[in-house]
């Protein structure tokens, strides 16, 4: 199975999180469509049918691709950077 490019995955997760925030602040049809598109793309890229599963798999992929749990704790002593902001 092909593995998604971590840079693309990170960009999609960032876009997903931004759109979720924008949608929570103000319900707009265009934001809703963009959110649906990004959610669909993440699901396809991560081979899931649920956005929650896609975000979890994307987080795991990014963690495995360069940020070990020890490195995360060293970079952020509060431990908050290891949390998913997307869901």
PDB file of N, CA and C in Angstrom:
ATOM      1  N   UNK A   1       0.836  -1.181   0.000  1.00  0.00           N
ATOM      2  CA  UNK A   1       0.000   0.000   0.000  1.00  0.00           C
ATOM      3  C   UNK A   1       0.883   1.247   0.000  1.00  0.00           C
ATOM      4  N   UNK A   2       0.520   2.224  -0.783  1.00  0.00           N
ATOM      5  CA  UNK A   2       1.256   3.486  -0.822  1.00  0.00           C
ATOM      6  C   UNK A   2       0.988   4.292   0.438  1.00  0.00           C
ATOM      7  N   UNK A   3       2.024   4.995   0.879  1.00  0.00           N
ATOM      8  CA  UNK A   3       1.890   5.821   2.069  1.00  0.00           C
ATOM      9  C   UNK A   3       1.783   7.288   1.656  1.00  0.00           C
ATOM     10  N   UNK A   4       0.834   8.013   2.227  1.00  0.00           N
ATOM     11  CA  UNK A   4       0.672   9.428   1.877  1.00  0.00           C
ATOM     12  C   UNK A   4       1.898  10.251   2.277  1.00  0.00           C
ATOM     13  N   UNK A   5       2.134  11.319   1.552  1.00  0.00           N
ATOM     14  CA  UNK A   5       3.216  12.246   1.858  1.00  0.00           C
ATOM     15  C   UNK A   5       2.875  12.973   3.162  1.00  0.00           C
ATOM     16  N   UNK A   6       3.741  12.875   4.171  1.00  0.00           N
ATOM     17  CA  UNK A   6       3.453  13.525   5.450  1.00  0.00           C
ATOM     18  C   UNK A   6       3.204  15.033   5.330  1.00  0.00           C
ATOM     19  N   UNK A   7       3.898  15.693   4.416  1.00  0.00           N
ATOM     20  CA  UNK A   7       3.698  17.140   4.246  1.00  0.00           C
ATOM     21  C   UNK A   7       2.268  17.428   3.783  1.00  0.00           C
ATOM     22  N   UNK A   8       1.762  16.636   2.851  1.00  0.00           N
ATOM     23  CA  UNK A   8       0.394  16.809   2.350  1.00  0.00           C
ATOM     24  C   UNK A   8      -0.607  16.495   3.460  1.00  0.00           C
ATOM     25  N   UNK A   9      -0.344  15.443   4.212  1.00  0.00           N
ATOM     26  CA  UNK A   9      -1.229  15.063   5.321  1.00  0.00           C
ATOM     27  C   UNK A   9      -1.285  16.194   6.347  1.00  0.00           C
ATOM     28  N   UNK A  10      -0.128  16.743   6.686  1.00  0.00           N
ATOM     29  CA  UNK A  10      -0.089  17.847   7.658  1.00  0.00           C
ATOM     30  C   UNK A  10      -0.882  19.051   7.150  1.00  0.00           C
ATOM     31  N   UNK A  11      -0.738  19.370   5.867  1.00  0.00           N
ATOM     32  CA  UNK A  11      -1.481  20.495   5.288  1.00  0.00           C
ATOM     33  C   UNK A  11      -2.993  20.239   5.337  1.00  0.00           C
ATOM     34  N   UNK A  12      -3.398  19.017   5.034  1.00  0.00           N
ATOM     35  CA  UNK A  12      -4.830  18.687   5.086  1.00  0.00           C
ATOM     36  C   UNK A  12      -5.369  18.764   6.505  1.00  0.00           C
ATOM     37  N   UNK A  13      -4.597  18.270   7.466  1.00  0.00           N
ATOM     38  CA  UNK A  13      -5.047  18.348   8.863  1.00  0.00           C
ATOM     39  C   UNK A  13      -5.171  19.793   9.323  1.00  0.00           C
ATOM     40  N   UNK A  14      -4.233  20.614   8.917  1.00  0.00           N
ATOM     41  CA  UNK A  14      -4.292  22.036   9.271  1.00  0.00           C
ATOM     42  C   UNK A  14      -5.529  22.686   8.653  1.00  0.00           C
ATOM     43  N   UNK A  15      -5.768  22.393   7.398  1.00  0.00           N
ATOM     44  CA  UNK A  15      -6.940  22.952   6.702  1.00  0.00           C
ATOM     45  C   UNK A  15      -8.232  22.451   7.345  1.00  0.00           C
ATOM     46  N   UNK A  16      -8.279  21.163   7.679  1.00  0.00           N
ATOM     47  CA  UNK A  16      -9.455  20.582   8.330  1.00  0.00           C
ATOM     48  C   UNK A  16      -9.737  21.291   9.657  1.00  0.00           C
ATOM     49  N   UNK A  17      -8.699  21.468  10.473  1.00  0.00           N
ATOM     50  CA  UNK A  17      -8.876  22.120  11.773  1.00  0.00           C
ATOM     51  C   UNK A  17      -9.349  23.564  11.600  1.00  0.00           C
ATOM     52  N   UNK A  18      -8.757  24.275  10.655  1.00  0.00           N
ATOM     53  CA  UNK A  18      -9.151  25.668  10.410  1.00  0.00           C
ATOM     54  C   UNK A  18     -10.609  25.759   9.966  1.00  0.00           C
ATOM     55  N   UNK A  19     -11.008  24.857   9.103  1.00  0.00           N
ATOM     56  CA  UNK A  19     -12.397  24.863   8.625  1.00  0.00           C
ATOM     57  C   UNK A  19     -13.374  24.478   9.726  1.00  0.00           C
ATOM     58  N   UNK A  20     -12.990  23.558  10.594  1.00  0.00           N
ATOM     59  CA  UNK A  20     -13.865  23.202  11.720  1.00  0.00           C
ATOM     60  C   UNK A  20     -14.089  24.410  12.626  1.00  0.00           C
ATOM     61  N   UNK A  21     -13.026  25.149  12.872  1.00  0.00           N
ATOM     62  CA  UNK A  21     -13.138  26.350  13.702  1.00  0.00           C
ATOM     63  C   UNK A  21     -14.020  27.384  13.013  1.00  0.00           C
ATOM     64  N   UNK A  22     -13.773  27.622  11.729  1.00  0.00           N
ATOM     65  CA  UNK A  22     -14.567  28.600  10.977  1.00  0.00           C
ATOM     66  C   UNK A  22     -16.036  28.204  10.949  1.00  0.00           C
ATOM     67  N   UNK A  23     -16.312  26.925  10.787  1.00  0.00           N
ATOM     68  CA  UNK A  23     -17.696  26.446  10.739  1.00  0.00           C
ATOM     69  C   UNK A  23     -18.369  26.597  12.102  1.00  0.00           C
ATOM     70  N   UNK A  24     -17.609  26.391  13.166  1.00  0.00           N
ATOM     71  CA  UNK A  24     -18.172  26.546  14.513  1.00  0.00           C
ATOM     72  C   UNK A  24     -18.487  28.017  14.819  1.00  0.00           C
ATOM     73  N   UNK A  25     -17.671  28.905  14.287  1.00  0.00           N
ATOM     74  CA  UNK A  25     -17.877  30.330  14.524  1.00  0.00           C
ATOM     75  C   UNK A  25     -19.034  30.890  13.711  1.00  0.00           C
ATOM     76  N   UNK A  26     -19.156  30.430  12.488  1.00  0.00           N
ATOM     77  CA  UNK A  26     -20.185  30.962  11.597  1.00  0.00           C
ATOM     78  C   UNK A  26     -20.542  29.922  10.540  1.00  0.00           C
ATOM     79  N   UNK A  27     -21.763  29.458  10.579  1.00  0.00           N
ATOM     80  CA  UNK A  27     -22.230  28.453   9.613  1.00  0.00           C
ATOM     81  C   UNK A  27     -22.378  29.086   8.242  1.00  0.00           C
ATOM     82  N   UNK A  28     -21.493  28.742   7.325  1.00  0.00           N
ATOM     83  CA  UNK A  28     -21.577  29.250   5.957  1.00  0.00           C
ATOM     84  C   UNK A  28     -21.576  28.077   4.992  1.00  0.00           C
ATOM     85  N   UNK A  29     -22.392  28.139   3.953  1.00  0.00           N
ATOM     86  CA  UNK A  29     -22.438  27.040   2.978  1.00  0.00           C
ATOM     87  C   UNK A  29     -21.081  26.757   2.330  1.00  0.00           C
ATOM     88  N   UNK A  30     -20.328  27.800   2.000  1.00  0.00           N
ATOM     89  CA  UNK A  30     -19.034  27.569   1.344  1.00  0.00           C
ATOM     90  C   UNK A  30     -18.053  26.880   2.282  1.00  0.00           C
ATOM     91  N   UNK A  31     -18.070  27.279   3.542  1.00  0.00           N
ATOM     92  CA  UNK A  31     -17.197  26.638   4.528  1.00  0.00           C
ATOM     93  C   UNK A  31     -17.593  25.181   4.716  1.00  0.00           C
ATOM     94  N   UNK A  32     -18.883  24.928   4.752  1.00  0.00           N
ATOM     95  CA  UNK A  32     -19.372  23.559   4.884  1.00  0.00           C
ATOM     96  C   UNK A  32     -18.943  22.679   3.720  1.00  0.00           C
ATOM     97  N   UNK A  33     -19.006  23.225   2.513  1.00  0.00           N
ATOM     98  CA  UNK A  33     -18.572  22.458   1.329  1.00  0.00           C
ATOM     99  C   UNK A  33     -17.071  22.191   1.361  1.00  0.00           C
ATOM    100  N   UNK A  34     -16.305  23.217   1.727  1.00  0.00           N
ATOM    101  CA  UNK A  34     -14.856  23.038   1.829  1.00  0.00           C
ATOM    102  C   UNK A  34     -14.502  21.998   2.893  1.00  0.00           C
ATOM    103  N   UNK A  35     -15.202  22.050   4.021  1.00  0.00           N
ATOM    104  CA  UNK A  35     -14.968  21.084   5.088  1.00  0.00           C
ATOM    105  C   UNK A  35     -15.292  19.672   4.620  1.00  0.00           C
ATOM    106  N   UNK A  36     -16.386  19.522   3.896  1.00  0.00           N
ATOM    107  CA  UNK A  36     -16.748  18.206   3.360  1.00  0.00           C
ATOM    108  C   UNK A  36     -15.695  17.710   2.377  1.00  0.00           C
ATOM    109  N   UNK A  37     -15.182  18.598   1.535  1.00  0.00           N
ATOM    110  CA  UNK A  37     -14.152  18.214   0.567  1.00  0.00           C
ATOM    111  C   UNK A  37     -12.861  17.771   1.255  1.00  0.00           C
ATOM    112  N   UNK A  38     -12.419  18.548   2.240  1.00  0.00           N
ATOM    113  CA  UNK A  38     -11.185  18.201   2.954  1.00  0.00           C
ATOM    114  C   UNK A  38     -11.376  16.909   3.742  1.00  0.00           C
ATOM    115  N   UNK A  39     -12.551  16.743   4.342  1.00  0.00           N
ATOM    116  CA  UNK A  39     -12.835  15.517   5.091  1.00  0.00           C
ATOM    117  C   UNK A  39     -12.790  14.303   4.169  1.00  0.00           C
ATOM    118  N   UNK A  40     -13.412  14.427   3.010  1.00  0.00           N
ATOM    119  CA  UNK A  40     -13.413  13.340   2.031  1.00  0.00           C
ATOM    120  C   UNK A  40     -11.985  13.013   1.590  1.00  0.00           C
ATOM    121  N   UNK A  41     -11.208  14.044   1.306  1.00  0.00           N
ATOM    122  CA  UNK A  41      -9.832  13.834   0.862  1.00  0.00           C
ATOM    123  C   UNK A  41      -9.006  13.139   1.933  1.00  0.00           C
ATOM    124  N   UNK A  42      -9.153  13.556   3.177  1.00  0.00           N
ATOM    125  CA  UNK A  42      -8.437  12.894   4.274  1.00  0.00           C
ATOM    126  C   UNK A  42      -8.848  11.431   4.401  1.00  0.00           C
ATOM    127  N   UNK A  43     -10.138  11.169   4.288  1.00  0.00           N
ATOM    128  CA  UNK A  43     -10.619   9.785   4.387  1.00  0.00           C
ATOM    129  C   UNK A  43     -10.039   8.923   3.273  1.00  0.00           C
ATOM    130  N   UNK A  44     -10.042   9.438   2.058  1.00  0.00           N
ATOM    131  CA  UNK A  44      -9.493   8.680   0.936  1.00  0.00           C
ATOM    132  C   UNK A  44      -7.997   8.472   1.125  1.00  0.00           C
ATOM    133  N   UNK A  45      -7.291   9.532   1.481  1.00  0.00           N
ATOM    134  CA  UNK A  45      -5.844   9.450   1.636  1.00  0.00           C
ATOM    135  C   UNK A  45      -5.438   8.469   2.734  1.00  0.00           C
ATOM    136  N   UNK A  46      -6.234   8.419   3.797  1.00  0.00           N
ATOM    137  CA  UNK A  46      -5.899   7.552   4.926  1.00  0.00           C
ATOM    138  C   UNK A  46      -6.632   6.203   4.872  1.00  0.00           C
ATOM    139  N   UNK A  47      -7.385   5.970   3.800  1.00  0.00           N
ATOM    140  CA  UNK A  47      -8.096   4.705   3.576  1.00  0.00           C
ATOM    141  C   UNK A  47      -9.076   4.384   4.709  1.00  0.00           C
ATOM    142  N   UNK A  48      -9.899   5.379   5.038  1.00  0.00           N
ATOM    143  CA  UNK A  48     -10.925   5.193   6.071  1.00  0.00           C
ATOM    144  C   UNK A  48     -12.264   5.695   5.540  1.00  0.00           C
ATOM    145  N   UNK A  49     -13.314   5.399   6.265  1.00  0.00           N
ATOM    146  CA  UNK A  49     -14.636   5.910   5.904  1.00  0.00           C
ATOM    147  C   UNK A  49     -15.148   6.917   6.921  1.00  0.00           C
ATOM    148  N   UNK A  50     -14.391   7.128   7.983  1.00  0.00           N
ATOM    149  CA  UNK A  50     -14.779   8.050   9.050  1.00  0.00           C
ATOM    150  C   UNK A  50     -13.705   9.124   9.197  1.00  0.00           C
ATOM    151  N   UNK A  51     -14.114  10.369   9.309  1.00  0.00           N
ATOM    152  CA  UNK A  51     -13.144  11.449   9.471  1.00  0.00           C
ATOM    153  C   UNK A  51     -12.382  11.310  10.785  1.00  0.00           C
ATOM    154  N   UNK A  52     -13.036  10.811  11.822  1.00  0.00           N
ATOM    155  CA  UNK A  52     -12.337  10.615  13.094  1.00  0.00           C
ATOM    156  C   UNK A  52     -11.228   9.576  12.941  1.00  0.00           C
ATOM    157  N   UNK A  53     -11.513   8.495  12.222  1.00  0.00           N
ATOM    158  CA  UNK A  53     -10.483   7.487  11.956  1.00  0.00           C
ATOM    159  C   UNK A  53      -9.375   8.055  11.076  1.00  0.00           C
ATOM    160  N   UNK A  54      -9.742   8.864  10.098  1.00  0.00           N
ATOM    161  CA  UNK A  54      -8.754   9.460   9.198  1.00  0.00           C
ATOM    162  C   UNK A  54      -7.818  10.387   9.965  1.00  0.00           C
ATOM    163  N   UNK A  55      -8.357  11.194  10.853  1.00  0.00           N
ATOM    164  CA  UNK A  55      -7.529  12.104  11.644  1.00  0.00           C
ATOM    165  C   UNK A  55      -6.610  11.310  12.567  1.00  0.00           C
ATOM    166  N   UNK A  56      -7.131  10.268  13.186  1.00  0.00           N
ATOM    167  CA  UNK A  56      -6.308   9.436  14.067  1.00  0.00           C
ATOM    168  C   UNK A  56      -5.162   8.778  13.291  1.00  0.00           C
ATOM    169  N   UNK A  57      -5.467   8.245  12.116  1.00  0.00           N
ATOM    170  CA  UNK A  57      -4.425   7.619  11.293  1.00  0.00           C
ATOM    171  C   UNK A  57      -3.421   8.650  10.800  1.00  0.00           C
ATOM    172  N   UNK A  58      -3.890   9.828  10.453  1.00  0.00           N
ATOM    173  CA  UNK A  58      -2.996  10.893   9.995  1.00  0.00           C
ATOM    174  C   UNK A  58      -2.066  11.329  11.126  1.00  0.00           C
ATOM    175  N   UNK A  59      -2.617  11.478  12.328  1.00  0.00           N
ATOM    176  CA  UNK A  59      -1.792  11.825  13.486  1.00  0.00           C
ATOM    177  C   UNK A  59      -0.735  10.754  13.737  1.00  0.00           C
ATOM    178  N   UNK A  60      -1.131   9.497  13.660  1.00  0.00           N
ATOM    179  CA  UNK A  60      -0.195   8.392  13.875  1.00  0.00           C
ATOM    180  C   UNK A  60       0.898   8.387  12.804  1.00  0.00           C
ATOM    181  N   UNK A  61       0.523   8.645  11.572  1.00  0.00           N
ATOM    182  CA  UNK A  61       1.494   8.701  10.478  1.00  0.00           C
ATOM    183  C   UNK A  61       2.517   9.804  10.726  1.00  0.00           C
ATOM    184  N   UNK A  62       2.038  10.982  11.085  1.00  0.00           N
ATOM    185  CA  UNK A  62       2.953  12.097  11.326  1.00  0.00           C
ATOM    186  C   UNK A  62       3.851  11.844  12.530  1.00  0.00           C
ATOM    187  N   UNK A  63       3.299  11.223  13.539  1.00  0.00           N
ATOM    188  CA  UNK A  63       4.096  10.893  14.719  1.00  0.00           C
ATOM    189  C   UNK A  63       5.191   9.892  14.354  1.00  0.00           C
ATOM    190  N   UNK A  64       4.854   8.900  13.564  1.00  0.00           N
ATOM    191  CA  UNK A  64       5.810   7.876  13.167  1.00  0.00           C
ATOM    192  C   UNK A  64       6.863   8.410  12.204  1.00  0.00           C
ATOM    193  N   UNK A  65       6.539   9.464  11.474  1.00  0.00           N
ATOM    194  CA  UNK A  65       7.439   9.988  10.452  1.00  0.00           C
ATOM    195  C   UNK A  65       8.410  11.044  10.965  1.00  0.00           C
ATOM    196  N   UNK A  66       8.644  11.141  12.210  1.00  0.00           N
ATOM    197  CA  UNK A  66       9.654  12.101  12.606  1.00  0.00           C
ATOM    198  C   UNK A  66       9.530  12.638  13.997  1.00  0.00           C
ATOM    199  N   UNK A  67       8.452  12.351  14.630  1.00  0.00           N
ATOM    200  CA  UNK A  67       8.287  12.871  15.978  1.00  0.00           C
ATOM    201  C   UNK A  67       7.971  11.735  16.924  1.00  0.00           C
ATOM    202  N   UNK A  68       8.992  11.207  17.542  1.00  0.00           N
ATOM    203  CA  UNK A  68       8.788  10.164  18.525  1.00  0.00           C
ATOM    204  C   UNK A  68       8.164  10.785  19.767  1.00  0.00           C
ATOM    205  N   UNK A  69       7.507  10.004  20.590  1.00  0.00           N
ATOM    206  CA  UNK A  69       6.908  10.575  21.809  1.00  0.00           C
ATOM    207  C   UNK A  69       7.929  11.310  22.681  1.00  0.00           C
ATOM    208  N   UNK A  70       9.171  10.805  22.771  1.00  0.00           N
ATOM    209  CA  UNK A  70      10.197  11.481  23.563  1.00  0.00           C
ATOM    210  C   UNK A  70      10.541  12.837  22.962  1.00  0.00           C
ATOM    211  N   UNK A  71      10.623  12.904  21.632  1.00  0.00           N
ATOM    212  CA  UNK A  71      10.931  14.173  20.965  1.00  0.00           C
ATOM    213  C   UNK A  71       9.803  15.176  21.171  1.00  0.00           C
ATOM    214  N   UNK A  72       8.578  14.703  21.173  1.00  0.00           N
ATOM    215  CA  UNK A  72       7.433  15.589  21.396  1.00  0.00           C
ATOM    216  C   UNK A  72       7.498  16.161  22.802  1.00  0.00           C
ATOM    217  N   UNK A  73       7.772  15.322  23.793  1.00  0.00           N
ATOM    218  CA  UNK A  73       7.841  15.805  25.169  1.00  0.00           C
ATOM    219  C   UNK A  73       9.008  16.774  25.353  1.00  0.00           C
ATOM    220  N   UNK A  74      10.137  16.508  24.705  1.00  0.00           N
ATOM    221  CA  UNK A  74      11.291  17.392  24.823  1.00  0.00           C
ATOM    222  C   UNK A  74      11.009  18.752  24.183  1.00  0.00           C
ATOM    223  N   UNK A  75      10.299  18.752  23.070  1.00  0.00           N
ATOM    224  CA  UNK A  75       9.990  19.997  22.365  1.00  0.00           C
ATOM    225  C   UNK A  75       8.939  20.811  23.094  1.00  0.00           C
ATOM    226  N   UNK A  76       8.025  20.122  23.788  1.00  0.00           N
ATOM    227  CA  UNK A  76       6.940  20.805  24.489  1.00  0.00           C
ATOM    228  C   UNK A  76       6.742  20.140  25.850  1.00  0.00           C
ATOM    229  N   UNK A  77       7.395  20.663  26.896  1.00  0.00           N
ATOM    230  CA  UNK A  77       7.313  20.036  28.212  1.00  0.00           C
ATOM    231  C   UNK A  77       5.893  19.895  28.761  1.00  0.00           C
ATOM    232  N   UNK A  78       4.961  20.764  28.306  1.00  0.00           N
ATOM    233  CA  UNK A  78       3.581  20.660  28.768  1.00  0.00           C
ATOM    234  C   UNK A  78       2.863  19.480  28.134  1.00  0.00           C
ATOM    235  N   UNK A  79       3.428  18.923  27.060  1.00  0.00           N
ATOM    236  CA  UNK A  79       2.853  17.760  26.417  1.00  0.00           C
ATOM    237  C   UNK A  79       1.674  18.049  25.521  1.00  0.00           C
ATOM    238  N   UNK A  80       1.389  19.316  25.245  1.00  0.00           N
ATOM    239  CA  UNK A  80       0.211  19.644  24.454  1.00  0.00           C
ATOM    240  C   UNK A  80       0.420  19.450  22.964  1.00  0.00           C
ATOM    241  N   UNK A  81       1.645  19.475  22.470  1.00  0.00           N
ATOM    242  CA  UNK A  81       1.860  19.375  21.020  1.00  0.00           C
ATOM    243  C   UNK A  81       1.578  17.987  20.487  1.00  0.00           C
ATOM    244  N   UNK A  82       1.478  16.993  21.347  1.00  0.00           N
ATOM    245  CA  UNK A  82       1.171  15.647  20.902  1.00  0.00           C
ATOM    246  C   UNK A  82      -0.309  15.403  20.712  1.00  0.00           C
ATOM    247  N   UNK A  83      -1.132  16.375  21.044  1.00  0.00           N
ATOM    248  CA  UNK A  83      -2.571  16.223  20.937  1.00  0.00           C
ATOM    249  C   UNK A  83      -3.047  16.625  19.549  1.00  0.00           C
ATOM    250  N   UNK A  84      -4.031  15.936  19.071  1.00  0.00           N
ATOM    251  CA  UNK A  84      -4.618  16.305  17.793  1.00  0.00           C
ATOM    252  C   UNK A  84      -5.499  17.525  17.985  1.00  0.00           C
ATOM    253  N   UNK A  85      -5.312  18.513  17.140  1.00  0.00           N
ATOM    254  CA  UNK A  85      -6.154  19.711  17.191  1.00  0.00           C
ATOM    255  C   UNK A  85      -7.299  19.615  16.211  1.00  0.00           C
ATOM    256  N   UNK A  86      -7.282  18.593  15.383  1.00  0.00           N
ATOM    257  CA  UNK A  86      -8.230  18.519  14.294  1.00  0.00           C
ATOM    258  C   UNK A  86      -9.582  17.963  14.699  1.00  0.00           C
ATOM    259  N   UNK A  87      -9.656  17.210  15.733  1.00  0.00           N
ATOM    260  CA  UNK A  87     -10.943  16.606  16.093  1.00  0.00           C
ATOM    261  C   UNK A  87     -11.434  17.143  17.398  1.00  0.00           C
TER     262      UNK A  87
END
